[in-house]
Amino acid sequence: MLKKEQYELIDKIIGRATELNILCSSRVTALIDIEKATEHFNLRLEDFLAADVANFAHDFIGIQANIDRQSDGKNFNLFVPRFSGEER
């Protein structure tokens, strides 16, 4: 389970994606997708939020397009976000 601060950053990330018009699902679905990606890739959420538009869009769109919801967010095909952290 993520920490409160992580959820606050995810909410800001989704807000930015909405402003950039790259949200391809509901906010709830996007929250779950980013949550699962954070758990799987140890996303650096602060860096993700602060990224330039191209890198931000790459990760946000890539997560939405590649998450396998049938696997409960444990499979992202071959996609690896640019803001992946160190393995836990």
C-alpha atoms as a PDB file:
ATOM      1  CA  MET A   1       0.000   0.000   0.000  1.00  0.00           C
ATOM      2  CA  LEU A   2       1.226   3.451  -0.887  1.00  0.00           C
ATOM      3  CA  LYS A   3       1.694   6.318   1.541  1.00  0.00           C
ATOM      4  CA  LYS A   4      -0.608   9.332   1.722  1.00  0.00           C
ATOM      5  CA  GLU A   5       2.088  11.555   0.182  1.00  0.00           C
ATOM      6  CA  GLN A   6       2.347   9.214  -2.792  1.00  0.00           C
ATOM      7  CA  TYR A   7      -1.404   9.381  -3.383  1.00  0.00           C
ATOM      8  CA  GLU A   8      -1.244  13.174  -3.247  1.00  0.00           C
ATOM      9  CA  LEU A   9       1.482  13.166  -5.914  1.00  0.00           C
ATOM     10  CA  ILE A  10      -0.497  10.706  -8.043  1.00  0.00           C
ATOM     11  CA  ASP A  11      -3.513  13.013  -7.827  1.00  0.00           C
ATOM     12  CA  LYS A  12      -1.351  15.912  -9.052  1.00  0.00           C
ATOM     13  CA  ILE A  13       0.036  13.732 -11.862  1.00  0.00           C
ATOM     14  CA  ILE A  14      -3.495  12.880 -12.974  1.00  0.00           C
ATOM     15  CA  GLY A  15      -4.432  16.567 -12.795  1.00  0.00           C
ATOM     16  CA  ARG A  16      -1.509  17.462 -15.038  1.00  0.00           C
ATOM     17  CA  ALA A  17      -2.410  14.679 -17.466  1.00  0.00           C
ATOM     18  CA  THR A  18      -5.966  16.041 -17.573  1.00  0.00           C
ATOM     19  CA  GLU A  19      -4.654  19.537 -18.368  1.00  0.00           C
ATOM     20  CA  LEU A  20      -2.489  18.069 -21.145  1.00  0.00           C
ATOM     21  CA  ASN A  21      -5.517  16.159 -22.459  1.00  0.00           C
ATOM     22  CA  ILE A  22      -3.724  12.804 -22.300  1.00  0.00           C
ATOM     23  CA  LEU A  23      -6.015  11.105 -19.789  1.00  0.00           C
ATOM     24  CA  CYS A  24      -7.470   8.141 -21.697  1.00  0.00           C
ATOM     25  CA  SER A  25      -9.689   6.810 -18.922  1.00  0.00           C
ATOM     26  CA  SER A  26     -11.498   7.929 -15.818  1.00  0.00           C
ATOM     27  CA  ARG A  27      -9.565   9.531 -12.958  1.00  0.00           C
ATOM     28  CA  VAL A  28     -10.247   6.448 -10.834  1.00  0.00           C
ATOM     29  CA  THR A  29      -8.818   4.097 -13.473  1.00  0.00           C
ATOM     30  CA  ALA A  30      -5.798   6.364 -13.913  1.00  0.00           C
ATOM     31  CA  LEU A  31      -5.253   6.410 -10.143  1.00  0.00           C
ATOM     32  CA  ILE A  32      -5.274   2.616 -10.027  1.00  0.00           C
ATOM     33  CA  ASP A  33      -2.968   2.394 -13.058  1.00  0.00           C
ATOM     34  CA  ILE A  34      -0.408   4.811 -11.589  1.00  0.00           C
ATOM     35  CA  GLU A  35      -0.700   3.129  -8.183  1.00  0.00           C
ATOM     36  CA  LYS A  36       0.059  -0.270  -9.733  1.00  0.00           C
ATOM     37  CA  ALA A  37       2.907   1.187 -11.791  1.00  0.00           C
ATOM     38  CA  THR A  38       4.337   2.798  -8.651  1.00  0.00           C
ATOM     39  CA  GLU A  39       4.241  -0.532  -6.832  1.00  0.00           C
ATOM     40  CA  HIS A  40       5.714  -2.414  -9.808  1.00  0.00           C
ATOM     41  CA  PHE A  41       8.401   0.083 -10.918  1.00  0.00           C
ATOM     42  CA  ASN A  42       8.962   2.061  -7.698  1.00  0.00           C
ATOM     43  CA  LEU A  43       8.135   5.223  -9.651  1.00  0.00           C
ATOM     44  CA  ARG A  44       9.892   8.422  -8.689  1.00  0.00           C
ATOM     45  CA  LEU A  45       6.646  10.371  -8.441  1.00  0.00           C
ATOM     46  CA  GLU A  46       8.154  13.798  -7.699  1.00  0.00           C
ATOM     47  CA  ASP A  47      10.423  13.547 -10.747  1.00  0.00           C
ATOM     48  CA  PHE A  48       7.521  12.255 -12.842  1.00  0.00           C
ATOM     49  CA  LEU A  49       5.334  15.221 -11.858  1.00  0.00           C
ATOM     50  CA  ALA A  50       8.122  17.759 -12.490  1.00  0.00           C
ATOM     51  CA  ALA A  51       9.167  16.301 -15.852  1.00  0.00           C
ATOM     52  CA  ASP A  52       9.057  18.181 -19.136  1.00  0.00           C
ATOM     53  CA  VAL A  53       5.963  17.520 -21.234  1.00  0.00           C
ATOM     54  CA  ALA A  54       7.559  14.910 -23.525  1.00  0.00           C
ATOM     55  CA  ASN A  55       8.910  12.714 -20.728  1.00  0.00           C
ATOM     56  CA  PHE A  56       5.787  13.166 -18.617  1.00  0.00           C
ATOM     57  CA  ALA A  57       3.536  12.180 -21.533  1.00  0.00           C
ATOM     58  CA  HIS A  58       5.790   9.224 -22.412  1.00  0.00           C
ATOM     59  CA  ASP A  59       5.350   7.672 -18.991  1.00  0.00           C
ATOM     60  CA  PHE A  60       1.706   8.571 -18.435  1.00  0.00           C
ATOM     61  CA  ILE A  61       0.536   7.395 -21.850  1.00  0.00           C
ATOM     62  CA  GLY A  62       2.842   4.365 -21.749  1.00  0.00           C
ATOM     63  CA  ILE A  63       1.463   3.206 -18.413  1.00  0.00           C
ATOM     64  CA  GLN A  64      -2.137   3.583 -19.615  1.00  0.00           C
ATOM     65  CA  ALA A  65      -1.437   1.813 -22.903  1.00  0.00           C
ATOM     66  CA  ASN A  66       0.594  -1.080 -21.540  1.00  0.00           C
ATOM     67  CA  ILE A  67      -0.852  -2.030 -18.171  1.00  0.00           C
ATOM     68  CA  ASP A  68      -2.436  -5.456 -18.229  1.00  0.00           C
ATOM     69  CA  ARG A  69      -5.404  -5.091 -15.934  1.00  0.00           C
ATOM     70  CA  GLN A  70      -6.089  -8.834 -16.206  1.00  0.00           C
ATOM     71  CA  SER A  71      -2.834  -9.410 -14.288  1.00  0.00           C
ATOM     72  CA  ASP A  72      -3.863  -6.958 -11.538  1.00  0.00           C
ATOM     73  CA  GLY A  73      -1.292  -4.483 -12.816  1.00  0.00           C
ATOM     74  CA  LYS A  74       1.666  -6.841 -12.561  1.00  0.00           C
ATOM     75  CA  ASN A  75       2.413  -6.863 -16.289  1.00  0.00           C
ATOM     76  CA  PHE A  76       3.224  -3.847 -18.430  1.00  0.00           C
ATOM     77  CA  ASN A  77       4.284  -5.747 -21.552  1.00  0.00           C
ATOM     78  CA  LEU A  78       7.809  -4.548 -22.347  1.00  0.00           C
ATOM     79  CA  PHE A  79       7.159  -0.948 -21.307  1.00  0.00           C
ATOM     80  CA  VAL A  80       9.444   0.558 -18.668  1.00  0.00           C
ATOM     81  CA  PRO A  81       8.692   4.097 -17.488  1.00  0.00           C
ATOM     82  CA  ARG A  82      11.497   6.644 -17.628  1.00  0.00           C
ATOM     83  CA  PHE A  83      10.820   7.502 -13.986  1.00  0.00           C
ATOM     84  CA  SER A  84      11.292   3.976 -12.685  1.00  0.00           C
ATOM     85  CA  GLY A  85      13.175   3.851  -9.426  1.00  0.00           C
ATOM     86  CA  GLU A  86      15.613   1.351  -8.079  1.00  0.00           C
ATOM     87  CA  GLU A  87      14.311  -2.150  -7.541  1.00  0.00           C
ATOM     88  CA  ARG A  88      13.114  -2.830  -4.025  1.00  0.00           C
END
